[in-house]
Protein backbone atom coordinates (compact mmCIF):
# COMPACT_ATOMS: atom_id res chain seq x y z
CA MET A 1 9.89 -30.47 19.06
CA VAL A 2 13.46 -30.94 18.32
CA PRO A 3 15.83 -32.66 16.39
CA GLN A 4 17.22 -35.97 17.35
CA VAL A 5 20.59 -36.08 19.14
CA HIS A 6 22.99 -39.20 18.80
CA CYS A 7 25.48 -39.37 21.13
CA VAL A 8 28.81 -39.40 20.20
CA ASP A 9 31.61 -41.66 21.56
CA ASP A 10 35.23 -40.33 22.33
CA ASN A 11 36.11 -39.25 18.63
CA MET A 12 38.64 -36.20 19.27
CA LYS A 13 41.39 -37.97 17.56
CA HIS A 14 39.15 -37.65 14.37
CA ARG A 15 38.34 -34.20 14.95
CA ALA A 16 41.66 -32.93 15.08
CA ILE A 17 42.57 -35.50 12.08
CA TYR A 18 39.53 -33.05 10.15
CA GLN A 19 40.82 -30.00 11.42
CA GLY A 20 44.29 -30.47 10.46
CA ILE A 21 42.92 -31.23 6.85
CA ARG A 22 41.19 -28.38 6.58
CA ALA A 23 43.95 -26.39 8.13
CA LYS A 24 46.46 -27.72 5.37
CA SER A 25 43.64 -27.82 2.46
CA ASN A 26 43.42 -23.89 3.08
CA PHE A 27 47.10 -23.29 3.12
CA LEU A 28 47.07 -25.31 -0.28
CA CYS A 29 44.87 -23.19 -1.47
CA GLY A 30 46.30 -19.92 -0.70
CA GLN A 31 49.40 -21.36 -3.14
CA GLN A 32 47.26 -23.21 -5.55
CA ILE A 33 44.16 -21.21 -6.26
CA ARG A 34 46.23 -18.93 -8.60
CA GLN A 35 47.81 -21.33 -10.69
CA GLN A 36 46.64 -22.48 -14.12
CA SER A 37 46.45 -26.27 -14.51
CA THR A 38 48.74 -26.31 -17.85
CA LEU A 39 50.75 -29.28 -16.31
CA SER A 40 47.55 -31.46 -16.23
CA GLN A 41 45.47 -33.29 -18.94
CA ARG A 42 42.37 -34.82 -18.34
CA LEU A 43 40.27 -37.64 -20.24
CA SER A 44 37.25 -39.51 -19.68
CA VAL A 45 36.64 -42.95 -21.12
CA THR A 46 32.79 -44.44 -21.72
CA VAL A 47 32.64 -48.31 -21.46
CA SER A 48 29.78 -50.25 -22.30
CA PRO A 49 29.03 -53.33 -20.03
CA GLN A 50 30.55 -56.08 -22.56
CA THR A 51 33.73 -54.26 -22.90
CA THR A 52 37.21 -56.26 -22.06
CA GLN A 53 40.05 -55.18 -20.44
CA ARG A 54 42.11 -55.12 -23.52
CA GLN A 55 40.00 -53.05 -25.66
CA VAL A 56 40.13 -50.27 -22.94
CA LEU A 57 43.64 -50.27 -22.49
CA ASP A 58 44.02 -50.07 -26.81
CA GLU A 59 41.78 -46.73 -26.53
CA PHE A 60 43.87 -45.49 -23.74
CA ARG A 61 47.03 -46.08 -25.30
CA LYS A 62 45.64 -44.64 -29.28
CA HIS A 63 44.41 -41.22 -27.18
CA VAL A 64 47.73 -40.54 -25.51
CA LEU A 65 49.81 -41.58 -28.60
CA LYS A 66 47.72 -38.83 -30.38
CA THR A 67 48.69 -36.07 -27.84
CA THR A 68 51.55 -33.86 -28.53
CA LYS A 69 51.90 -32.34 -25.20
CA PRO A 70 54.24 -34.44 -22.59
CA ALA A 71 51.32 -35.19 -19.82
CA ALA A 72 53.54 -33.67 -17.15
CA GLY A 73 55.91 -31.20 -18.35
CA ASP A 74 58.98 -31.26 -16.34
CA ALA A 75 57.42 -31.90 -13.33
CA PRO A 76 60.15 -33.80 -10.86
CA GLU A 77 57.16 -36.20 -9.66
CA HIS A 78 54.18 -36.64 -11.38
CA GLY A 79 50.52 -37.70 -10.29
CA VAL A 80 47.70 -39.56 -11.78
CA ALA A 81 44.05 -39.72 -10.36
CA ILE A 82 41.69 -42.45 -11.62
CA LEU A 83 37.96 -42.68 -10.97
CA ALA A 84 35.47 -45.35 -12.33
CA SER A 85 32.15 -46.13 -11.75
CA LYS A 86 31.19 -48.64 -9.07
CA ASP A 87 30.46 -51.24 -12.28
CA PHE A 88 34.14 -51.06 -12.49
CA THR A 89 35.62 -51.63 -8.86
CA ASN A 90 36.93 -55.05 -9.82
CA TRP A 91 39.14 -53.73 -12.14
CA LEU A 92 40.43 -50.80 -10.23
CA GLU A 93 41.50 -52.90 -7.56
CA ASN A 94 43.70 -55.25 -9.94
CA ASP A 95 47.36 -54.40 -9.99
CA ASP A 96 48.03 -55.77 -13.49
CA PHE A 97 45.00 -54.00 -14.66
CA MET A 98 46.34 -50.56 -12.99
CA SER A 99 49.89 -51.13 -14.20
CA ALA A 100 48.42 -51.59 -17.47
CA LEU A 101 46.68 -48.85 -17.61
CA LEU A 102 49.39 -46.38 -15.97
CA LYS A 103 51.70 -47.18 -18.76
CA THR A 104 49.12 -46.30 -21.29
CA LEU A 105 49.58 -42.36 -19.83
CA LEU A 106 53.44 -42.53 -20.05
CA LYS A 107 55.48 -41.34 -22.31
CA PRO A 108 59.35 -42.06 -23.54
CA GLU A 109 60.43 -38.65 -21.80
CA GLN A 110 58.46 -39.99 -18.38
CA HIS A 111 60.67 -43.14 -18.30
CA ASN A 112 63.21 -41.91 -16.28
CA HIS A 113 60.94 -40.29 -13.48
CA GLN A 114 61.24 -42.01 -10.43
CA SER A 115 57.66 -42.40 -9.03
CA LEU A 116 54.32 -42.03 -9.68
CA HIS A 117 51.74 -41.33 -7.47
CA VAL A 118 48.26 -42.38 -8.06
CA LEU A 119 45.15 -41.85 -6.45
CA SER A 120 42.31 -44.25 -7.62
CA GLY A 121 38.70 -44.59 -6.29
CA ILE A 122 35.18 -45.85 -6.93
CA ALA A 123 32.33 -42.78 -8.03
CA ASP A 124 28.46 -43.94 -8.53
CA SER A 125 28.87 -42.50 -12.06
CA LEU A 126 30.62 -40.49 -14.72
CA SER A 127 29.38 -37.19 -15.33
CA SER A 128 29.75 -36.22 -18.77
CA THR A 129 30.41 -33.48 -21.00
CA ARG A 130 26.66 -32.29 -21.35
CA LEU A 131 24.08 -33.36 -18.91
CA SER A 132 21.81 -36.40 -20.26
CA GLY A 133 19.38 -38.13 -18.49
CA GLY A 134 21.23 -41.89 -17.81
CA THR A 135 24.04 -42.71 -15.88
CA GLN A 136 27.42 -43.46 -17.52
CA SER A 137 29.99 -45.83 -17.01
CA GLY A 138 33.85 -45.69 -17.09
CA PHE A 139 36.69 -43.80 -16.01
CA SER A 140 37.80 -40.55 -15.51
CA VAL A 141 41.72 -39.55 -15.27
CA LEU A 142 43.60 -36.40 -14.52
CA TYR A 143 47.14 -36.51 -15.19
CA GLY A 144 50.26 -34.29 -14.44
CA SER A 145 52.13 -32.43 -12.05
CA SER A 146 51.36 -34.02 -8.72
CA ASP A 147 51.49 -30.90 -6.85
CA ILE A 148 48.03 -29.77 -8.55
CA VAL A 149 46.45 -33.70 -9.34
CA VAL A 150 47.53 -35.55 -5.64
CA PRO A 151 48.90 -32.31 -3.54
CA GLY A 152 49.32 -33.86 -0.16
CA LEU A 153 48.73 -37.59 -1.29
CA TRP A 154 50.61 -39.27 1.31
CA GLU A 155 50.31 -36.71 4.37
CA SER A 156 48.91 -38.81 7.27
CA GLU A 157 45.62 -36.80 7.36
CA GLY A 158 43.72 -38.19 4.70
CA PHE A 159 44.43 -41.73 6.10
CA GLY A 160 42.45 -41.08 9.34
CA GLY A 161 39.33 -43.70 10.19
CA THR A 162 40.36 -45.70 6.96
CA SER A 163 38.24 -48.65 8.20
CA ILE A 164 36.35 -51.09 5.42
CA ASP A 165 33.25 -49.07 7.21
CA SER A 166 34.28 -45.72 6.77
CA SER A 167 32.55 -43.13 3.74
CA GLY A 168 35.04 -41.26 1.61
CA CYS A 169 35.46 -38.48 -0.46
CA VAL A 170 37.23 -36.29 -3.05
CA SER A 171 37.35 -32.61 -3.29
CA PHE A 172 37.88 -30.36 -6.32
CA LEU A 173 39.39 -26.89 -6.14
CA THR A 174 37.77 -25.18 -8.83
CA ASN A 175 36.69 -21.70 -10.32
CA PRO A 176 34.19 -19.55 -8.45
CA LEU A 177 30.56 -19.71 -8.80
CA THR A 178 28.96 -17.32 -11.27
CA ARG A 179 28.99 -13.65 -9.67
CA SER A 180 31.34 -14.78 -7.12
CA THR A 181 34.74 -13.88 -6.50
CA GLY A 182 35.84 -16.91 -4.34
CA ALA A 183 37.61 -20.15 -4.87
CA LEU A 184 34.75 -23.17 -5.15
CA GLU A 185 35.67 -26.67 -3.24
CA ILE A 186 33.17 -28.96 -4.54
CA THR A 187 33.22 -32.12 -2.35
CA VAL A 188 32.11 -35.62 -3.99
CA PRO A 189 31.14 -38.61 -1.72
CA LEU A 190 32.40 -41.87 -3.24
CA ALA A 191 30.20 -44.79 -4.31
CA ASN A 192 29.03 -47.25 -1.57
CA THR A 193 30.77 -50.51 -2.86
CA VAL A 194 29.99 -52.71 0.15
CA PHE A 195 28.50 -55.10 -2.54
CA GLN A 196 31.43 -54.67 -4.70
CA ASN A 197 34.09 -55.36 -2.03
CA GLY A 198 33.17 -55.13 0.94
CA ARG A 199 34.17 -51.62 1.74
CA ARG A 200 31.88 -48.62 2.32
CA SER A 201 33.54 -46.63 0.09
CA THR A 202 37.26 -47.29 -2.24
CA LEU A 203 39.64 -45.09 -2.35
CA TYR A 204 43.59 -45.94 -2.53
CA ALA A 205 46.82 -43.98 -2.62
CA SER A 206 49.62 -46.01 -4.22
CA ARG A 207 53.36 -45.24 -5.35
CA TRP A 208 54.93 -46.92 -8.49
CA ASN A 209 58.34 -47.09 -9.13
CA ILE A 210 59.18 -46.13 -13.16
CA GLY A 211 61.57 -48.52 -14.67
CA GLY A 212 63.99 -47.23 -17.57
CA GLU A 213 61.98 -49.21 -20.23
CA GLY A 214 58.39 -47.43 -18.67
CA SER A 215 58.06 -50.86 -16.44
CA LEU A 216 55.95 -49.90 -13.40
CA THR A 217 56.74 -51.83 -10.03
CA LEU A 218 54.11 -51.37 -7.38
CA GLN A 219 55.85 -49.89 -4.06
CA ARG A 220 53.01 -48.82 -2.09
CA LYS A 221 49.29 -48.78 -1.39
CA GLN A 222 47.19 -48.17 1.28
CA PRO A 223 43.52 -47.06 1.81
CA LYS A 224 42.42 -43.69 1.90
CA THR A 225 39.48 -41.58 3.26
CA THR A 226 40.26 -37.94 1.36
CA GLN A 227 41.88 -36.40 -1.15
CA ARG A 228 41.85 -33.17 -2.46
CA ILE A 229 42.40 -32.27 -5.95
CA ALA A 230 43.62 -29.03 -6.88
CA ASP A 231 43.32 -28.66 -10.40
CA LYS A 232 41.04 -25.90 -11.57
CA GLY A 233 39.01 -26.20 -14.80
CA GLY A 234 41.51 -23.47 -16.74
CA PRO A 235 41.20 -20.26 -17.86
CA VAL A 236 37.46 -19.75 -17.32
CA ASN A 237 36.23 -17.30 -14.97
CA HIS A 238 33.29 -19.11 -13.28
CA THR A 239 31.42 -22.55 -12.61
CA LEU A 240 28.47 -22.70 -13.85
CA SER A 241 25.48 -24.65 -12.16
CA MET A 242 22.07 -26.16 -12.78
CA VAL A 243 19.58 -26.65 -9.91
CA PRO A 244 16.99 -28.22 -11.82
CA LEU A 245 13.74 -27.45 -9.05
CA LEU A 246 10.05 -26.59 -10.13
CA PRO A 247 9.39 -23.65 -7.69
CA LEU A 248 5.99 -24.15 -5.68
CA THR A 249 5.60 -20.99 -3.67
CA PRO A 250 6.97 -17.37 -3.35
CA PRO A 251 9.40 -16.85 -0.34
CA ARG A 252 8.20 -17.11 3.05
CA LYS A 253 9.22 -15.39 5.69
CA ILE A 254 10.21 -17.74 8.87
CA LEU A 255 8.43 -16.41 12.30
CA ALA A 256 9.33 -19.56 14.49
CA GLY A 257 11.92 -22.24 14.20
CA LEU A 258 14.74 -23.65 15.66
CA GLY A 259 17.89 -25.38 14.29
CA ASN A 260 16.61 -27.43 11.72
CA ILE A 261 12.69 -27.42 12.49
CA VAL A 262 10.52 -24.67 10.71
CA ARG A 263 7.00 -24.10 12.98
CA GLN A 264 5.63 -20.95 11.47
CA VAL A 265 5.88 -19.18 7.97
CA ASP A 266 4.17 -15.52 6.75
CA VAL A 267 2.09 -16.53 4.40
CA ASP A 268 0.83 -13.14 3.00
CA GLY A 269 0.57 -11.61 6.12
CA THR A 270 -0.79 -14.67 8.15
CA PRO A 271 1.16 -16.80 10.21
CA THR A 272 0.88 -20.22 9.32
CA PRO A 273 2.10 -23.59 9.87
CA ALA A 274 5.12 -24.21 8.02
CA SER A 275 3.96 -27.29 6.25
CA LYS A 276 0.34 -26.11 5.45
CA GLU A 277 0.79 -24.69 1.82
CA LEU A 278 2.59 -27.82 0.90
CA GLU A 279 0.11 -30.04 2.31
CA ASP A 280 -2.09 -28.45 -0.07
CA ILE A 281 0.21 -28.05 -3.46
CA ILE A 282 1.90 -31.65 -3.22
CA PRO A 283 -1.79 -33.26 -4.14
CA LYS A 284 -2.57 -30.94 -6.82
CA ILE A 285 0.83 -31.97 -8.25
CA PHE A 286 0.10 -35.87 -8.17
CA GLU A 287 -3.22 -35.13 -9.84
CA GLU A 288 -1.67 -33.09 -12.48
CA ARG A 289 1.05 -35.64 -13.69
CA ALA A 290 -1.28 -38.41 -13.66
CA LEU A 291 -3.33 -36.48 -16.22
CA ARG A 292 -0.16 -35.51 -18.37
CA GLU A 293 1.22 -39.12 -18.27
CA PRO A 294 -1.74 -41.48 -17.33
CA THR A 295 0.24 -44.45 -18.00
CA ALA A 296 3.11 -43.42 -15.97
CA SER A 297 3.85 -45.44 -12.40
CA PRO A 298 3.10 -42.57 -9.50
CA LYS A 299 6.81 -41.73 -7.80
CA PRO A 300 7.47 -40.02 -4.42
CA VAL A 301 8.19 -36.31 -4.92
CA GLY A 302 11.33 -34.96 -3.23
CA VAL A 303 10.96 -31.55 -1.87
CA TRP A 304 13.13 -29.20 -1.21
CA CYS A 305 13.74 -25.37 -0.24
CA TRP A 306 16.07 -22.50 -0.14
CA VAL A 307 16.80 -20.52 2.79
CA ILE A 308 17.37 -16.90 1.99
CA PRO A 309 18.68 -14.87 4.24
CA PRO A 310 17.20 -10.98 4.72
CA ARG A 311 20.30 -9.49 3.01
CA CYS A 312 19.78 -12.10 -0.10
CA MET A 313 15.78 -10.58 -0.22
CA LYS A 314 16.48 -7.64 -2.50
CA ALA A 315 13.59 -5.72 -4.29
CA GLY A 316 12.35 -7.26 -7.16
CA ARG A 317 14.64 -10.54 -7.19
CA PHE A 318 11.51 -12.76 -7.24
CA ASP A 319 9.07 -10.83 -9.29
CA ASN A 320 9.54 -12.75 -12.40
CA LEU A 321 9.25 -16.15 -10.41
CA LYS A 322 7.20 -18.51 -12.27
CA LEU A 323 5.34 -21.08 -9.88
CA PHE A 324 3.69 -24.25 -10.33
CA LYS A 325 0.03 -24.39 -11.05
CA ALA A 326 -2.56 -26.58 -11.76
CA ASP A 327 -4.02 -26.65 -15.09
CA SER A 328 -1.11 -24.55 -16.40
CA SER A 329 -0.44 -24.56 -20.50
CA GLN A 330 3.38 -24.70 -19.48
CA SER A 331 5.40 -28.00 -18.64
CA GLU A 332 7.14 -28.27 -15.67
CA ILE A 333 10.60 -28.25 -17.55
CA ASP A 334 9.39 -25.15 -18.88
CA ILE A 335 8.72 -23.55 -15.60
CA ALA A 336 12.05 -25.21 -14.03
CA SER A 337 14.06 -23.84 -16.85
CA SER A 338 13.09 -20.05 -16.28
CA SER A 339 14.50 -20.53 -12.37
CA ILE A 340 18.01 -21.96 -13.44
CA GLU A 341 19.33 -18.61 -13.38
CA LEU A 342 18.16 -17.46 -10.27
CA PHE A 343 18.95 -20.22 -8.21
CA SER A 344 22.37 -20.16 -10.01
CA GLU A 345 22.42 -16.31 -8.45
CA LEU A 346 21.27 -17.32 -4.84
CA LEU A 347 24.10 -20.08 -4.50
CA SER A 348 26.32 -17.41 -5.23
CA SER A 349 25.03 -14.90 -3.20
CA GLY A 350 25.41 -17.90 -0.10
CA CYS A 351 22.00 -19.38 0.08
CA GLN A 352 21.91 -22.28 1.38
CA LEU A 353 19.62 -25.61 -0.54
CA HIS A 354 17.87 -28.28 2.02
CA ARG A 355 15.67 -31.28 1.24
CA ILE A 356 12.26 -31.79 3.48
CA LEU A 357 12.71 -34.66 5.57
CA SER A 358 9.40 -34.67 7.17
CA GLY A 359 6.61 -32.38 8.41
CA GLY A 360 2.76 -31.81 8.53
CA GLY A 361 0.55 -33.28 10.96
CA GLY A 362 0.20 -32.67 14.48
CA TRP A 363 -1.32 -29.86 16.59
CA GLY A 364 -1.17 -26.83 19.33
CA LEU A 365 2.56 -25.74 18.90
CA LYS A 366 3.77 -28.99 16.90
CA GLN A 367 1.06 -28.74 14.08
CA GLY A 368 2.59 -28.12 10.66
CA LEU A 369 6.53 -28.51 11.53
CA LEU A 370 9.14 -28.98 9.05
CA SER A 371 12.15 -30.83 9.38
CA LEU A 372 14.95 -29.73 7.27
CA ASP A 373 18.32 -31.64 6.41
CA PRO A 374 21.06 -30.44 8.82
CA GLU A 375 23.69 -31.61 6.28
CA THR A 376 25.50 -28.79 4.85
CA SER A 377 29.37 -30.21 4.63
CA PHE A 378 30.14 -33.78 4.16
CA SER A 379 31.32 -35.51 7.44
CA LEU A 380 34.68 -37.63 7.67
CA PRO A 381 34.81 -40.49 10.17
CA GLY A 382 34.13 -39.31 13.76
CA GLN A 383 33.20 -35.74 13.00
CA ASP A 384 29.75 -34.70 14.14
CA ASP A 385 29.23 -31.04 13.06
CA ASP A 386 25.59 -31.14 12.91
CA ILE A 387 25.25 -30.96 17.13
CA GLU A 388 27.62 -28.12 17.55
CA ALA A 389 25.80 -26.24 14.83
CA PHE A 390 22.59 -27.04 16.69
CA ILE A 391 23.63 -25.66 20.08
CA LYS A 392 25.28 -22.68 18.28
CA SER A 393 21.91 -21.90 16.62
CA PHE A 394 20.07 -22.26 20.06
CA GLU A 395 22.45 -20.11 21.64
CA GLU A 396 21.87 -17.15 18.72
CA ARG A 397 18.34 -17.67 18.54
CA ASN A 398 17.50 -14.00 19.74
CA SER A 399 20.33 -12.54 17.37
CA ALA A 400 19.33 -10.30 14.65
CA GLU A 401 22.28 -11.91 11.99
CA PRO A 402 22.89 -15.10 13.97
CA THR A 403 25.80 -17.02 11.83
CA SER A 404 23.90 -20.75 12.34
CA GLY A 405 20.97 -22.24 12.33
CA LEU A 406 18.74 -23.19 9.27
CA ALA A 407 15.58 -22.33 10.70
CA THR A 408 16.34 -18.83 11.56
CA PRO A 409 13.40 -16.41 11.94
CA GLY A 410 14.05 -13.61 9.74
CA SER A 411 15.10 -15.92 6.84
CA SER A 412 12.60 -16.61 3.89
CA LEU A 413 12.01 -20.02 2.60
CA LEU A 414 11.32 -20.69 -1.17
CA PHE A 415 9.60 -24.24 -1.27
CA CYS A 416 10.41 -26.58 -4.74
CA VAL A 417 9.97 -30.17 -5.93
CA GLU A 418 11.99 -32.12 -8.38
CA PRO A 419 10.29 -31.51 -11.91
CA GLN A 420 9.08 -34.57 -13.47
CA MET A 421 10.71 -34.93 -16.95
CA ALA A 422 11.66 -37.45 -19.35
CA THR A 423 15.38 -36.21 -19.71
CA THR A 424 16.90 -33.67 -18.25
CA ASP A 425 18.81 -33.14 -21.18
CA THR A 426 16.65 -30.43 -23.01
CA LEU A 427 16.96 -28.36 -19.48
CA SER A 428 20.66 -28.59 -19.15
CA SER A 429 21.34 -27.18 -22.90
CA GLN A 430 18.87 -24.14 -22.52
CA TYR A 431 21.59 -22.84 -19.84
CA LEU A 432 24.81 -24.80 -19.98
CA PRO A 433 27.50 -25.06 -22.58
CA ALA A 434 29.46 -28.57 -23.12
CA SER A 435 31.78 -28.68 -20.70
CA LYS A 436 35.51 -29.59 -21.69
CA ASN A 437 37.41 -29.14 -18.62
CA LEU A 438 35.54 -30.31 -15.34
CA SER A 439 32.24 -31.36 -14.23
CA PHE A 440 30.11 -33.02 -11.41
CA GLY A 441 26.47 -33.97 -11.55
CA VAL A 442 24.14 -35.79 -9.02
CA ALA A 443 23.46 -39.07 -10.15
CA PRO A 444 19.56 -40.53 -10.09
CA SER A 445 19.10 -42.65 -6.96
CA PRO A 446 20.08 -46.02 -7.25
CA ASP A 447 16.49 -47.23 -7.18
CA ASP A 448 15.73 -44.83 -10.25
CA VAL A 449 19.02 -45.82 -12.18
CA PRO A 450 18.26 -48.05 -15.90
CA VAL A 451 19.89 -50.77 -16.47
CA PRO A 452 22.94 -48.99 -18.90
CA SER A 453 22.57 -49.78 -22.48
CA SER A 454 25.15 -50.83 -24.48
CA LEU A 455 26.74 -47.64 -26.36
CA GLN A 456 26.40 -47.11 -30.09
CA GLY A 457 29.15 -47.84 -32.06
CA SER A 458 32.57 -48.13 -30.52
CA PRO A 459 32.09 -50.22 -27.00
CA VAL A 460 34.81 -47.28 -25.94
CA GLU A 461 34.42 -43.75 -26.27
CA VAL A 462 37.26 -41.37 -25.18
CA VAL A 463 36.47 -37.69 -24.52
CA GLY A 464 39.78 -35.73 -24.24
CA GLY A 465 40.16 -32.68 -22.11
CA HIS A 466 37.48 -33.86 -19.86
CA PHE A 467 37.12 -34.90 -16.20
CA GLY A 468 33.84 -35.38 -14.73
CA ILE A 469 32.02 -38.07 -11.66
CA SER A 470 28.86 -38.03 -10.27
CA SER A 471 27.63 -39.36 -6.85
CA ALA A 472 24.43 -40.35 -5.78
CA THR A 473 24.35 -38.78 -2.28
CA GLY A 474 24.50 -35.27 -3.56
CA LEU A 475 27.60 -32.71 -3.81
CA PHE A 476 28.76 -30.53 -0.97
CA LEU A 477 29.97 -26.92 -2.15
CA ARG A 478 32.23 -24.54 -0.29
CA THR A 479 33.37 -21.23 -1.06
CA ILE A 480 36.68 -20.00 -0.06
CA PRO A 481 36.68 -16.25 -0.54
CA GLU A 482 39.81 -15.54 1.67
CA PHE A 483 41.70 -16.61 -1.29
CA ALA A 484 39.71 -13.86 -3.95
CA GLY A 485 42.28 -11.34 -3.54
CA THR A 486 42.19 -7.73 -3.88
CA ALA A 487 38.96 -7.93 -6.44
CA ARG A 488 36.55 -9.71 -3.35
CA THR A 489 33.54 -7.57 -4.16
CA ALA A 490 33.68 -7.24 -7.84
CA GLY A 491 30.32 -8.73 -9.70
CA ASN A 492 28.84 -9.80 -6.50
CA ASN A 493 25.94 -7.17 -6.92
CA GLY A 494 26.32 -5.46 -3.30
CA ASP A 495 26.01 -8.79 -2.08
CA LYS A 496 28.03 -9.23 1.26
CA SER A 497 27.85 -13.09 1.30
CA SER A 498 30.74 -13.26 -0.91
CA GLN A 499 33.06 -11.91 1.71
CA SER A 500 32.21 -15.12 4.05
CA SER A 501 32.35 -18.76 3.19
CA PHE A 502 29.40 -20.76 3.31
CA THR A 503 28.69 -24.47 3.08
CA THR A 504 25.75 -26.56 1.37
CA LYS A 505 24.67 -29.59 -0.26
CA VAL A 506 22.90 -29.85 -3.32
CA ASP A 507 21.22 -33.54 -3.57
CA VAL A 508 18.72 -32.51 -6.43
CA PRO A 509 19.06 -35.79 -9.07
CA GLY A 510 20.19 -33.81 -12.30
CA ALA A 511 21.92 -30.94 -10.54
CA TYR A 512 25.22 -30.21 -12.67
CA PHE A 513 28.52 -28.09 -12.31
CA CYS A 514 30.78 -27.42 -14.79
CA VAL A 515 33.99 -25.45 -15.73
């Protein structure tokens, strides 16, 4: 059994575009990773469904007037990035509303600037200063020096494949993960806005001329597919992570597998079909949850696995790993909480996380196969790195240290499921501090999102100093160790992983990264 391989048309142009983006983004990263974002400001505005545009604009204006620091200092050009939740798509595409919103961010000392460069896009929801169980609607705004907020906004590479069917993303260059020294790039896929405006995703670059009295005139507006924002979270050493997963088994060594297909693992010294343990445990999870909450409707269980290379299988690392057990006195939240620090360490060490797409059944050599989600990086239009990765893993299948391939014999799998919890607020508050700078989250599936309730008190709530968005698709992480400087090996506990770049997708609902 092998993964399905889809034919790809001639997309050399898009591939060259993507390579150009990566090369230029690395160059920008080398210049900007050492800069502190002292020329940028952030604010998030949570808005209830009944709020009017005038109420939102008034709250923006009040907040900016209360700030004492100029929004962009002495920068010759300044930029703004505005990401809104999906329910405000029409507002963000309304030029009159955008003009009024941008005016609230301008101060008198900025009226002599010639232009304002703006990135506007639609995310699934906002990410709060502290993770909560529900989604949030509104706007997150970052404004300051255009070299930091929207570097290379008008470079041609970011406009490749900008059809209404193109998916888009925004990438943020942030501080390293805990126990890592390289910069971290977090790519956030944008929301699917087909039912809002007919576009697969909504991302625009626009340039506005600033008049002497602060008047704004739209000079240019063009859809984009991708944009990097180089604003770091500030003088914080690391990006903190929380991946809420319930461990099911100890790490199991892969005995047979190829590409994203796992055929056989070692269970206590016995070669075992890869799906065998999951086939035994998953029914027990349903039974246990039905006993704990007999009135709740059963929901599908999402299953993930950590792929742990041999170099990360340290002696004693998993000795205190708590696993799900039927009839346990501990709740799933308590067990998941005990593993958060370990999972953060796995990410920092270069271990990838993959959702299990399918598995089980079959006979002979096909018995108990598991299929892992092969996606580890966001694919721009025309890009298909998964095929290349599969070909490379086949070529390196007998290598002692292969450079690619998910189901590599010798690596280990740690199986987990999404824990059952009424809210992830309890889980996050035990481990992560409140974020006052940047936060990124994985929103629940659209089918699981409750109807948002109106805010208690004011219909508009402004959180100064914070920028945060969430994606229902997941987040894509990429470490950039080549810009870590001379202290490359400091604080990595001997792992060689900090010396090489890695990418992974984190799509566990409730996963949260903050700076």
